[in-house]
Amino acid sequence: MKKTVIITLLSLSMFSCKKFLAERSQTDVIPETTKDFGQLLFTAGYPSVTLMQPYITLMDDDIQCYNGQPLSGQQSDVTSNAGAFQWQPDFIDVCKSAGSPDGQNFNSWKNYYQLILGTNVALQYLDNSKGSTTEKEIYKGEAYTLRAFYHFMLVNLYAKPYNDVSSTPDKSPGIPIRLSADLSEKMLSRNTVKEVYDQITKDLDSAMYFLDKTKPDQLSYRISHIAAHFLASRVYLYMEQWDKAIAQADYVLMYHPQLMNLNNWGGYGDPVEKPIIGPKNVETIWHYGTTLETSPTGTGTAYDVSHDLANCFEESDLRNIIFFSIIPDFAKPFNACDYGQMKFNIDLFQGKPALGCSWRSAEVYLNRAEAYIQKYRLKGDASAAQEALKSLNQLRANRIDKSSFTPWTIQPADSLLTMCRTERRRELFAEGGHRWFDLRRYGMPAIKHVFAGTMNTSSVYELPARDPQYVLPIPNEVLLRNPTIIQNPQRGGQRLPN
């Protein structure tokens, strides 16, 4: 048992064990107290500098390629991650070959399972540690939430959506479920999508059970009882279990209903002093990661907000000037993009990347609204539509110029769903892979990307409706290490422009 722990701890190379391991003989190097395992969980099970899926920023329809070559180094920004923007089936290798400094971070499979291992170590040994029952339960609640989150992200990257019309989740191959810290040679095969979601909801039930007991007043960089219910609202939305999604959203909003009012923002975006992401924002329930997660090489200089995204905002929508901005002509020698996102503080002079990911209460209003609209569609229940409008109008009242704000009123169900989905796009762009995952569960529509290879040439790449690339290829190094893993279907050869 001790040997297993030692090997496990040493394998978690993203952190230092010195802070909490006693200096004993090699066979006795093992954490003992509950606080030790809490520290282990924070350093090995929480995402910090580990990047999960930065390439997703380049794959949806909220991004556009711009090429003005104003500076000598900008051409490399265009080409280094072009493989992801073009949806190449071997985009990891293509980006590495093009000199992308991000290529080593594109193996989401490895990165997520490494974090899952950190949560499993804590869960496997917390009960026998020296500490209070309350401490153990809080850390277990955090670990169960994180493990659910990581499996959820993996299954949405490497498997078909739960609601895929071409298959049922009990027949569709998902990803391996990893519940042990044992590093034996046993190779895990792929569980079905349903089995993965069943485990995710089981972990969330455990997380909520432990965290709801004491409702610890966590700092925003630690998982709280609110964060566990937050994730549950998202998971049940993806599973189309509308009542459960609503119930979880209601729990979150009972404890954290705050929304930032852009009418009080000062009329412009300020990602340094008033960031949308991070602890300085009243909406933040949990924050993690860095801007590198949402800003791979090329974003901000060669890739940024698309015209398609910018055009879906109403003129009176204050997100027009606070969530993103128009790049002025005098800045074009340094930035070829027409628009620049303002959600994240990308301050290159601060010495380290700023925070890049947050779970925000705004999403919960949108989850709740969408679930109620679906109930409205299914049963024609006008009261469900009114509940949806209640959430949407509350969010929009904090986003639209108060002199122009007019509450939305009841519409046919399909129209109201379209309005809600567009509002979700406006609110959550460039955050956490939302748009990519939403497009998948909306039925995987066709997308076109115009690749500006040079100042004077461009080519159009298309991701057809239901293209195999909506389910990402499992990285080759994973397949080499575990031959029992079956690769996802992929198009043959390179994707060529139209």
Protein backbone atom coordinates (compact mmCIF):
# COMPACT_ATOMS: atom_id res chain seq x y z
CA MET A 1 0.00 0.00 0.00
CA LYS A 2 2.74 2.47 0.96
CA LYS A 3 4.68 1.62 -2.18
CA THR A 4 1.61 2.41 -4.28
CA VAL A 5 1.25 5.78 -2.57
CA ILE A 6 4.92 6.61 -3.03
CA ILE A 7 4.87 5.75 -6.74
CA THR A 8 1.67 7.73 -7.18
CA LEU A 9 3.02 10.81 -5.45
CA LEU A 10 6.27 10.72 -7.38
CA SER A 11 4.35 10.39 -10.63
CA LEU A 12 2.54 13.67 -10.00
CA SER A 13 5.36 15.73 -11.40
CA MET A 14 3.45 19.00 -11.52
CA PHE A 15 4.00 19.70 -7.83
CA SER A 16 6.61 19.46 -5.09
CA CYS A 17 6.07 16.98 -2.27
CA LYS A 18 8.53 18.71 0.05
CA LYS A 19 5.90 20.97 1.58
CA PHE A 20 3.96 18.17 3.16
CA LEU A 21 6.01 14.99 3.13
CA ALA A 22 8.03 14.01 6.18
CA GLU A 23 11.70 13.37 5.44
CA ARG A 24 12.05 9.71 6.26
CA SER A 25 13.36 6.64 4.56
CA GLN A 26 12.19 6.08 1.00
CA THR A 27 9.67 3.44 2.08
CA ASP A 28 8.12 5.75 4.70
CA VAL A 29 7.65 8.86 2.57
CA ILE A 30 3.92 9.20 2.93
CA PRO A 31 1.60 12.02 4.00
CA GLU A 32 -0.19 11.39 7.29
CA THR A 33 -2.50 14.24 8.24
CA THR A 34 -5.72 15.35 6.62
CA LYS A 35 -4.12 18.72 5.94
CA ASP A 36 -1.31 16.90 4.10
CA PHE A 37 -3.83 15.33 1.77
CA GLY A 38 -5.67 18.63 1.42
CA GLN A 39 -2.41 20.18 0.24
CA LEU A 40 -1.81 17.23 -2.07
CA LEU A 41 -5.27 17.70 -3.55
CA PHE A 42 -4.70 21.39 -4.11
CA THR A 43 -1.32 20.95 -5.77
CA ALA A 44 -1.97 17.73 -7.71
CA GLY A 45 -5.74 17.64 -8.21
CA TYR A 46 -6.59 21.28 -8.90
CA PRO A 47 -5.78 22.82 -12.31
CA SER A 48 -3.20 25.57 -12.00
CA VAL A 49 -0.58 25.87 -14.73
CA THR A 50 -1.76 22.63 -16.32
CA LEU A 51 -3.55 23.49 -19.58
CA MET A 52 -6.51 21.36 -20.50
CA GLN A 53 -7.77 22.27 -23.99
CA PRO A 54 -6.37 25.63 -25.17
CA TYR A 55 -6.83 24.65 -28.83
CA ILE A 56 -10.66 24.64 -28.42
CA THR A 57 -10.50 28.45 -28.56
CA LEU A 58 -9.49 28.11 -32.23
CA MET A 59 -12.15 25.64 -33.34
CA ASP A 60 -15.57 27.24 -32.91
CA ASP A 61 -17.35 29.97 -34.89
CA ASP A 62 -16.53 32.77 -32.44
CA ILE A 63 -12.96 33.03 -33.75
CA GLN A 64 -11.56 34.52 -36.96
CA CYS A 65 -8.13 34.57 -38.57
CA TYR A 66 -6.64 37.97 -39.45
CA ASN A 67 -3.35 38.58 -41.25
CA GLY A 68 -1.87 42.04 -41.59
CA GLN A 69 1.76 41.05 -41.00
CA PRO A 70 2.38 44.37 -39.24
CA LEU A 71 5.30 42.95 -37.32
CA SER A 72 7.95 40.52 -38.47
CA GLY A 73 6.89 37.90 -35.97
CA GLN A 74 3.19 37.90 -36.69
CA GLN A 75 3.28 35.39 -39.55
CA SER A 76 4.33 32.69 -37.11
CA ASP A 77 1.29 33.60 -34.99
CA VAL A 78 -0.88 32.84 -38.02
CA THR A 79 0.72 29.52 -38.91
CA SER A 80 1.82 27.94 -35.63
CA ASN A 81 -1.65 26.82 -34.53
CA ALA A 82 -3.33 26.83 -37.95
CA GLY A 83 -3.80 23.05 -37.71
CA ALA A 84 -6.36 23.51 -34.94
CA PHE A 85 -8.12 26.39 -36.73
CA GLN A 86 -8.39 24.21 -39.86
CA TRP A 87 -9.69 21.19 -37.91
CA GLN A 88 -6.91 18.96 -39.17
CA PRO A 89 -7.41 15.40 -37.89
CA ASP A 90 -3.79 15.29 -36.69
CA PHE A 91 -3.80 18.90 -35.49
CA ILE A 92 -1.50 18.15 -32.55
CA ASP A 93 1.30 16.93 -34.83
CA VAL A 94 0.57 19.62 -37.42
CA CYS A 95 0.85 22.39 -34.82
CA LYS A 96 4.05 20.92 -33.39
CA SER A 97 5.57 20.71 -36.87
CA ALA A 98 4.61 24.35 -37.49
CA GLY A 99 6.59 25.38 -34.41
CA SER A 100 3.68 25.91 -32.04
CA PRO A 101 4.97 26.45 -28.50
CA ASP A 102 1.58 25.17 -27.30
CA GLY A 103 1.82 21.72 -28.88
CA GLN A 104 2.88 20.00 -25.68
CA ASN A 105 -0.31 21.27 -24.03
CA PHE A 106 -2.65 19.89 -26.69
CA ASN A 107 -2.82 16.37 -25.19
CA SER A 108 -5.93 16.94 -23.10
CA TRP A 109 -6.25 13.21 -22.45
CA LYS A 110 -2.95 13.08 -20.58
CA ASN A 111 -3.50 16.38 -18.78
CA TYR A 112 -6.95 15.53 -17.45
CA TYR A 113 -6.05 11.99 -16.37
CA GLN A 114 -3.04 13.36 -14.54
CA LEU A 115 -5.37 15.62 -12.55
CA ILE A 116 -7.82 12.75 -11.99
CA LEU A 117 -4.96 10.81 -10.45
CA GLY A 118 -4.42 13.65 -7.99
CA THR A 119 -8.08 13.53 -6.91
CA ASN A 120 -7.97 9.74 -6.60
CA VAL A 121 -4.95 9.79 -4.30
CA ALA A 122 -6.80 12.13 -1.94
CA LEU A 123 -10.03 10.13 -2.05
CA GLN A 124 -8.25 6.82 -1.54
CA TYR A 125 -6.33 7.83 1.59
CA LEU A 126 -8.22 10.66 3.29
CA ASP A 127 -10.28 8.39 5.54
CA ASN A 128 -7.20 6.98 7.27
CA SER A 129 -5.46 10.34 7.68
CA LYS A 130 -5.11 12.16 11.00
CA GLY A 131 -7.62 14.97 11.17
CA SER A 132 -11.20 15.94 11.89
CA THR A 133 -14.19 14.38 10.19
CA THR A 134 -15.28 17.80 8.95
CA GLU A 135 -11.91 18.44 7.30
CA LYS A 136 -12.01 15.06 5.58
CA GLU A 137 -15.52 15.62 4.29
CA ILE A 138 -14.67 19.05 2.85
CA TYR A 139 -11.64 17.71 0.99
CA LYS A 140 -13.60 14.69 -0.24
CA GLY A 141 -16.33 17.00 -1.53
CA GLU A 142 -13.75 19.04 -3.41
CA ALA A 143 -12.10 15.92 -4.86
CA TYR A 144 -15.39 14.37 -6.01
CA THR A 145 -16.39 17.62 -7.74
CA LEU A 146 -13.04 17.90 -9.51
CA ARG A 147 -13.07 14.26 -10.60
CA ALA A 148 -16.58 14.71 -11.99
CA PHE A 149 -15.49 17.85 -13.84
CA TYR A 150 -12.47 16.19 -15.44
CA HIS A 151 -14.42 13.14 -16.63
CA PHE A 152 -17.12 15.50 -17.94
CA MET A 153 -14.62 17.49 -19.98
CA LEU A 154 -12.92 14.36 -21.33
CA VAL A 155 -16.16 12.76 -22.47
CA ASN A 156 -17.17 16.00 -24.22
CA LEU A 157 -13.86 16.19 -26.03
CA TYR A 158 -13.36 12.57 -27.06
CA ALA A 159 -16.88 11.12 -27.38
CA LYS A 160 -20.19 11.95 -29.02
CA PRO A 161 -22.60 14.22 -27.14
CA TYR A 162 -24.91 12.59 -24.64
CA ASN A 163 -27.91 13.66 -26.75
CA ASP A 164 -26.45 12.57 -30.11
CA VAL A 165 -29.25 11.64 -32.52
CA SER A 166 -27.25 8.92 -34.29
CA SER A 167 -26.71 6.77 -31.22
CA THR A 168 -27.79 6.27 -27.64
CA PRO A 169 -25.38 7.03 -24.79
CA ASP A 170 -25.41 3.38 -23.66
CA LYS A 171 -24.06 2.32 -27.08
CA SER A 172 -21.67 5.18 -27.79
CA PRO A 173 -17.98 4.75 -26.79
CA GLY A 174 -16.92 7.26 -24.17
CA ILE A 175 -13.67 7.45 -22.23
CA PRO A 176 -12.13 5.24 -19.53
CA ILE A 177 -13.43 5.88 -16.02
CA ARG A 178 -10.51 6.23 -13.62
CA LEU A 179 -11.44 5.79 -9.95
CA SER A 180 -8.25 4.45 -8.40
CA ALA A 181 -4.81 5.79 -7.53
CA ASP A 182 -3.36 2.35 -8.24
CA LEU A 183 -0.75 2.61 -10.99
CA SER A 184 -0.83 -1.05 -11.93
CA GLU A 185 -0.17 -2.15 -15.48
CA LYS A 186 -3.86 -2.85 -16.10
CA MET A 187 -4.99 -1.06 -19.23
CA LEU A 188 -8.36 0.67 -18.97
CA SER A 189 -10.72 0.41 -21.93
CA ARG A 190 -13.36 2.92 -22.94
CA ASN A 191 -16.62 2.99 -20.99
CA THR A 192 -19.81 4.03 -22.73
CA VAL A 193 -20.94 7.65 -22.68
CA LYS A 194 -23.80 6.66 -20.36
CA GLU A 195 -21.46 4.91 -17.94
CA VAL A 196 -19.24 7.99 -17.82
CA TYR A 197 -22.18 10.32 -17.14
CA ASP A 198 -23.54 7.92 -14.52
CA GLN A 199 -20.19 8.10 -12.73
CA ILE A 200 -20.08 11.89 -13.08
CA THR A 201 -23.50 12.26 -11.46
CA LYS A 202 -22.58 9.72 -8.78
CA ASP A 203 -19.45 11.74 -7.95
CA LEU A 204 -21.49 14.94 -7.87
CA ASP A 205 -24.00 13.34 -5.51
CA SER A 206 -21.11 12.46 -3.19
CA ALA A 207 -19.63 15.94 -3.53
CA MET A 208 -22.89 17.65 -2.69
CA TYR A 209 -23.53 15.28 0.22
CA PHE A 210 -20.21 16.15 1.86
CA LEU A 211 -20.09 19.87 1.03
CA ASP A 212 -23.74 20.56 1.84
CA LYS A 213 -23.20 19.24 5.38
CA THR A 214 -21.07 22.17 6.50
CA LYS A 215 -21.35 24.57 3.55
CA PRO A 216 -17.75 25.69 4.11
CA ASP A 217 -17.04 29.34 3.34
CA GLN A 218 -14.45 28.60 0.68
CA LEU A 219 -12.24 31.10 -1.06
CA SER A 220 -13.10 31.37 -4.75
CA TYR A 221 -10.08 29.33 -5.82
CA ARG A 222 -11.39 26.28 -3.90
CA ILE A 223 -14.42 24.17 -4.71
CA SER A 224 -17.44 25.03 -2.55
CA HIS A 225 -20.89 23.51 -2.12
CA ILE A 226 -22.13 26.16 -4.58
CA ALA A 227 -19.54 25.06 -7.14
CA ALA A 228 -20.61 21.42 -6.85
CA HIS A 229 -24.25 22.33 -7.56
CA PHE A 230 -23.08 24.67 -10.33
CA LEU A 231 -21.38 21.80 -12.16
CA ALA A 232 -24.44 19.61 -11.61
CA SER A 233 -26.64 22.20 -13.35
CA ARG A 234 -24.36 22.08 -16.39
CA VAL A 235 -24.13 18.28 -16.45
CA TYR A 236 -27.90 17.77 -16.23
CA LEU A 237 -28.43 20.39 -18.96
CA TYR A 238 -26.17 18.36 -21.27
CA MET A 239 -28.06 15.19 -20.29
CA GLU A 240 -31.37 16.97 -21.07
CA GLN A 241 -32.70 16.19 -17.60
CA TRP A 242 -34.43 19.53 -17.40
CA ASP A 243 -35.96 19.33 -13.93
CA LYS A 244 -32.67 18.34 -12.36
CA ALA A 245 -30.83 21.12 -14.21
CA ILE A 246 -33.36 23.62 -12.89
CA ALA A 247 -33.18 22.31 -9.33
CA GLN A 248 -29.39 22.59 -9.29
CA ALA A 249 -29.48 26.06 -10.83
CA ASP A 250 -32.01 27.20 -8.24
CA TYR A 251 -29.72 25.99 -5.46
CA VAL A 252 -26.80 27.98 -6.86
CA LEU A 253 -28.87 31.14 -7.28
CA MET A 254 -30.22 30.85 -3.76
CA TYR A 255 -26.66 31.25 -2.44
CA HIS A 256 -24.96 33.17 -5.28
CA PRO A 257 -27.41 35.24 -7.36
CA GLN A 258 -24.96 38.10 -7.98
CA LEU A 259 -24.61 39.57 -11.45
CA MET A 260 -22.27 42.36 -12.49
CA ASN A 261 -24.20 45.37 -13.75
CA LEU A 262 -22.45 46.67 -16.84
CA ASN A 263 -24.38 49.93 -16.52
CA ASN A 264 -22.07 50.69 -13.60
CA TRP A 265 -18.91 49.60 -15.39
CA GLY A 266 -17.77 53.02 -16.54
CA GLY A 267 -18.52 52.64 -20.25
CA TYR A 268 -15.47 50.64 -21.29
CA GLY A 269 -13.73 47.32 -20.68
CA ASP A 270 -10.95 47.15 -18.12
CA PRO A 271 -9.64 43.57 -17.80
CA VAL A 272 -6.96 44.66 -15.32
CA GLU A 273 -9.03 46.50 -12.71
CA LYS A 274 -12.46 45.07 -13.55
CA PRO A 275 -11.92 41.66 -15.17
CA ILE A 276 -14.79 39.43 -16.20
CA ILE A 277 -12.76 36.42 -15.05
CA GLY A 278 -11.37 35.95 -11.55
CA PRO A 279 -11.96 36.85 -7.90
CA LYS A 280 -12.53 40.55 -8.58
CA ASN A 281 -15.81 39.76 -10.31
CA VAL A 282 -18.93 39.33 -8.15
CA GLU A 283 -20.20 36.55 -10.40
CA THR A 284 -17.23 34.25 -9.76
CA ILE A 285 -18.06 30.98 -8.02
CA TRP A 286 -14.76 29.23 -8.78
CA HIS A 287 -11.75 30.37 -10.79
CA TYR A 288 -8.79 28.38 -12.05
CA GLY A 289 -6.12 28.21 -14.73
CA THR A 290 -4.40 31.03 -16.57
CA THR A 291 -4.98 33.09 -19.70
CA LEU A 292 -2.80 30.57 -21.55
CA GLU A 293 -5.80 28.23 -21.37
CA THR A 294 -7.92 30.62 -23.42
CA SER A 295 -5.19 32.40 -25.38
CA PRO A 296 -2.96 29.96 -27.26
CA THR A 297 -0.27 31.42 -29.52
CA GLY A 298 -1.79 33.69 -32.16
CA THR A 299 -4.89 34.78 -30.26
CA GLY A 300 -4.90 38.51 -29.76
CA THR A 301 -2.66 39.16 -32.77
CA ALA A 302 -3.80 36.83 -35.57
CA TYR A 303 -6.92 35.17 -34.16
CA ASP A 304 -9.66 36.91 -32.22
CA VAL A 305 -13.38 37.72 -32.08
CA SER A 306 -15.11 36.88 -35.37
CA HIS A 307 -17.36 39.24 -37.29
CA ASP A 308 -20.05 36.58 -36.98
CA LEU A 309 -19.90 36.81 -33.19
CA ALA A 310 -19.64 40.61 -33.09
CA ASN A 311 -22.66 40.96 -35.38
CA CYS A 312 -24.94 39.02 -33.03
CA PHE A 313 -24.77 41.74 -30.33
CA GLU A 314 -27.45 44.41 -30.20
CA GLU A 315 -26.27 48.01 -30.47
CA SER A 316 -27.41 48.76 -26.91
CA ASP A 317 -25.61 45.71 -25.50
CA LEU A 318 -22.83 46.98 -23.22
CA ARG A 319 -20.85 43.79 -23.79
CA ASN A 320 -20.02 45.41 -27.15
CA ILE A 321 -17.50 47.64 -25.40
CA ILE A 322 -16.78 45.70 -22.19
CA PHE A 323 -16.44 42.06 -23.29
CA PHE A 324 -14.66 42.98 -26.55
CA SER A 325 -13.57 46.09 -28.38
CA ILE A 326 -12.95 47.35 -31.91
CA ILE A 327 -9.23 47.53 -32.64
CA PRO A 328 -8.50 51.15 -33.69
CA ASP A 329 -6.57 51.87 -36.86
CA PHE A 330 -3.54 53.23 -34.99
CA ALA A 331 -3.12 49.82 -33.30
CA LYS A 332 -3.26 47.80 -36.54
CA PRO A 333 0.55 47.80 -36.98
CA PHE A 334 0.65 45.74 -33.79
CA ASN A 335 -2.59 43.78 -34.06
CA ALA A 336 -4.19 42.75 -37.34
CA CYS A 337 -7.53 41.78 -35.77
CA ASP A 338 -10.68 43.84 -36.20
CA TYR A 339 -11.91 43.00 -32.70
CA GLY A 340 -10.19 42.08 -29.46
CA GLN A 341 -11.70 40.25 -26.50
CA MET A 342 -11.53 42.10 -23.19
CA LYS A 343 -12.58 39.35 -20.78
CA PHE A 344 -9.10 38.33 -19.69
CA ASN A 345 -6.17 40.33 -18.45
CA ILE A 346 -3.41 39.47 -20.92
CA ASP A 347 -0.82 41.77 -19.38
CA LEU A 348 2.57 40.64 -20.64
CA PHE A 349 4.33 42.96 -18.22
CA GLN A 350 2.99 41.45 -15.03
CA GLY A 351 5.46 38.56 -15.13
CA LYS A 352 2.95 35.71 -15.20
CA PRO A 353 -0.32 34.89 -16.97
CA ALA A 354 -3.49 36.17 -15.34
CA LEU A 355 -6.49 34.03 -14.45
CA GLY A 356 -8.13 32.45 -17.44
CA CYS A 357 -11.19 30.43 -16.38
CA SER A 358 -14.15 31.02 -14.07
CA TRP A 359 -17.46 29.44 -13.25
CA ARG A 360 -19.79 32.45 -13.23
CA SER A 361 -23.36 32.84 -11.99
CA ALA A 362 -24.33 34.18 -15.43
CA GLU A 363 -24.09 30.65 -16.80
CA VAL A 364 -26.53 29.38 -14.19
CA TYR A 365 -29.19 31.90 -15.28
CA LEU A 366 -28.70 30.62 -18.83
CA ASN A 367 -28.79 26.94 -17.80
CA ARG A 368 -32.01 27.56 -15.90
CA ALA A 369 -33.59 29.47 -18.79
CA GLU A 370 -32.72 26.84 -21.38
CA ALA A 371 -34.08 24.01 -19.25
CA TYR A 372 -37.38 25.84 -18.71
CA ILE A 373 -37.66 26.61 -22.43
CA GLN A 374 -37.24 22.92 -23.21
CA LYS A 375 -40.06 22.15 -20.78
CA TYR A 376 -42.11 24.81 -22.57
CA ARG A 377 -41.35 23.13 -25.92
CA LEU A 378 -42.28 19.68 -24.63
CA LYS A 379 -45.51 20.55 -22.80
CA GLY A 380 -46.53 23.99 -24.03
CA ASP A 381 -46.48 25.15 -20.43
CA ALA A 382 -46.58 28.96 -20.49
CA SER A 383 -45.51 29.12 -16.83
CA ALA A 384 -42.24 27.41 -17.80
CA ALA A 385 -41.72 30.06 -20.48
CA GLN A 386 -42.27 32.79 -17.90
CA GLU A 387 -39.66 31.22 -15.61
CA ALA A 388 -37.20 31.15 -18.52
CA LEU A 389 -37.91 34.80 -19.30
CA LYS A 390 -37.43 35.67 -15.64
CA SER A 391 -33.84 34.37 -15.80
CA LEU A 392 -33.08 35.82 -19.24
CA ASN A 393 -34.44 39.26 -18.43
CA GLN A 394 -32.59 39.36 -15.12
CA LEU A 395 -29.34 38.66 -16.94
CA ARG A 396 -30.04 41.06 -19.79
CA ALA A 397 -31.07 43.89 -17.46
CA ASN A 398 -27.49 43.80 -16.24
CA ARG A 399 -26.03 43.72 -19.75
CA ILE A 400 -28.12 46.12 -21.83
CA ASP A 401 -27.93 49.91 -21.56
CA LYS A 402 -30.69 50.74 -19.05
CA SER A 403 -31.99 53.53 -21.28
CA SER A 404 -32.72 50.98 -24.01
CA PHE A 405 -33.54 47.82 -22.09
CA THR A 406 -36.90 46.25 -22.88
CA PRO A 407 -37.75 42.92 -21.22
CA TRP A 408 -38.29 40.00 -23.54
CA THR A 409 -41.83 38.64 -23.68
CA ILE A 410 -43.22 35.22 -24.43
CA GLN A 411 -42.52 33.85 -27.91
CA PRO A 412 -43.08 30.52 -29.68
CA ALA A 413 -40.90 27.89 -28.04
CA ASP A 414 -38.44 27.46 -30.90
CA SER A 415 -37.97 31.22 -31.22
CA LEU A 416 -37.38 31.55 -27.49
CA LEU A 417 -34.83 28.72 -27.60
CA THR A 418 -32.94 30.47 -30.40
CA MET A 419 -32.94 33.71 -28.41
CA CYS A 420 -31.62 31.90 -25.34
CA ARG A 421 -28.86 30.14 -27.29
CA THR A 422 -27.77 33.40 -28.89
CA GLU A 423 -27.69 35.03 -25.46
CA ARG A 424 -25.55 32.16 -24.21
CA ARG A 425 -23.15 32.71 -27.11
CA ARG A 426 -22.90 36.44 -26.36
CA GLU A 427 -22.29 35.86 -22.67
CA LEU A 428 -19.90 32.90 -22.61
CA PHE A 429 -17.72 33.29 -25.71
CA ALA A 430 -14.02 32.39 -25.25
CA GLU A 431 -14.72 30.78 -21.87
CA GLY A 432 -14.11 27.15 -20.99
CA GLY A 433 -14.91 25.67 -24.40
CA HIS A 434 -18.60 26.56 -23.99
CA ARG A 435 -19.29 27.44 -27.61
CA TRP A 436 -17.65 24.27 -28.98
CA PHE A 437 -19.50 22.03 -26.53
CA ASP A 438 -22.77 23.88 -27.18
CA LEU A 439 -22.42 23.42 -30.95
CA ARG A 440 -21.94 19.70 -30.35
CA ARG A 441 -25.13 19.34 -28.31
CA TYR A 442 -27.04 21.59 -30.76
CA GLY A 443 -26.52 18.91 -33.42
CA MET A 444 -23.00 19.72 -34.70
CA PRO A 445 -23.79 22.25 -37.45
CA ALA A 446 -21.43 23.16 -40.30
CA ILE A 447 -18.78 25.82 -39.62
CA LYS A 448 -16.55 27.71 -42.06
CA HIS A 449 -13.19 29.26 -41.22
CA VAL A 450 -11.38 31.64 -43.56
CA PHE A 451 -7.66 31.09 -43.11
CA ALA A 452 -5.67 34.21 -44.00
CA GLY A 453 -2.40 32.50 -44.86
CA THR A 454 -0.80 35.75 -46.01
CA MET A 455 -1.80 39.40 -46.30
CA ASN A 456 -3.10 38.85 -49.82
CA THR A 457 -4.33 35.26 -49.85
CA SER A 458 -6.99 33.35 -47.97
CA SER A 459 -8.61 29.94 -48.16
CA VAL A 460 -11.84 28.54 -46.76
CA TYR A 461 -11.88 25.46 -44.56
CA GLU A 462 -15.18 23.81 -43.73
CA LEU A 463 -16.25 21.58 -40.90
CA PRO A 464 -19.35 19.96 -42.41
CA ALA A 465 -22.38 19.19 -40.29
CA ARG A 466 -21.69 16.22 -38.02
CA ASP A 467 -18.09 16.02 -39.19
CA PRO A 468 -16.02 13.36 -37.39
CA GLN A 469 -13.78 16.14 -36.02
CA TYR A 470 -16.58 17.20 -33.67
CA VAL A 471 -15.26 14.21 -31.72
CA LEU A 472 -11.55 14.84 -31.32
CA PRO A 473 -8.96 12.21 -32.18
CA ILE A 474 -7.34 10.50 -29.21
CA PRO A 475 -3.65 11.57 -29.20
CA ASN A 476 -1.27 9.07 -30.78
CA GLU A 477 0.91 8.82 -27.68
CA VAL A 478 -2.14 7.62 -25.73
CA LEU A 479 -2.83 4.89 -28.29
CA LEU A 480 0.80 3.75 -28.19
CA ARG A 481 0.75 3.48 -24.40
CA ASN A 482 -2.61 1.71 -24.24
CA PRO A 483 -3.44 -0.50 -27.25
CA THR A 484 -6.88 -1.34 -25.81
CA ILE A 485 -8.05 2.20 -26.58
CA ILE A 486 -9.87 2.38 -29.91
CA GLN A 487 -9.34 5.55 -31.94
CA ASN A 488 -12.34 7.69 -32.84
CA PRO A 489 -13.43 7.65 -36.51
CA GLN A 490 -11.64 10.39 -38.44
CA ARG A 491 -11.56 11.66 -41.99
CA GLY A 492 -8.68 10.27 -44.01
CA GLY A 493 -5.78 12.57 -44.85
CA GLN A 494 -5.44 16.32 -44.41
CA ARG A 495 -8.46 18.56 -44.55
CA LEU A 496 -8.09 20.67 -47.70
CA PRO A 497 -9.55 24.13 -48.34
CA ASN A 498 -12.59 24.51 -50.55
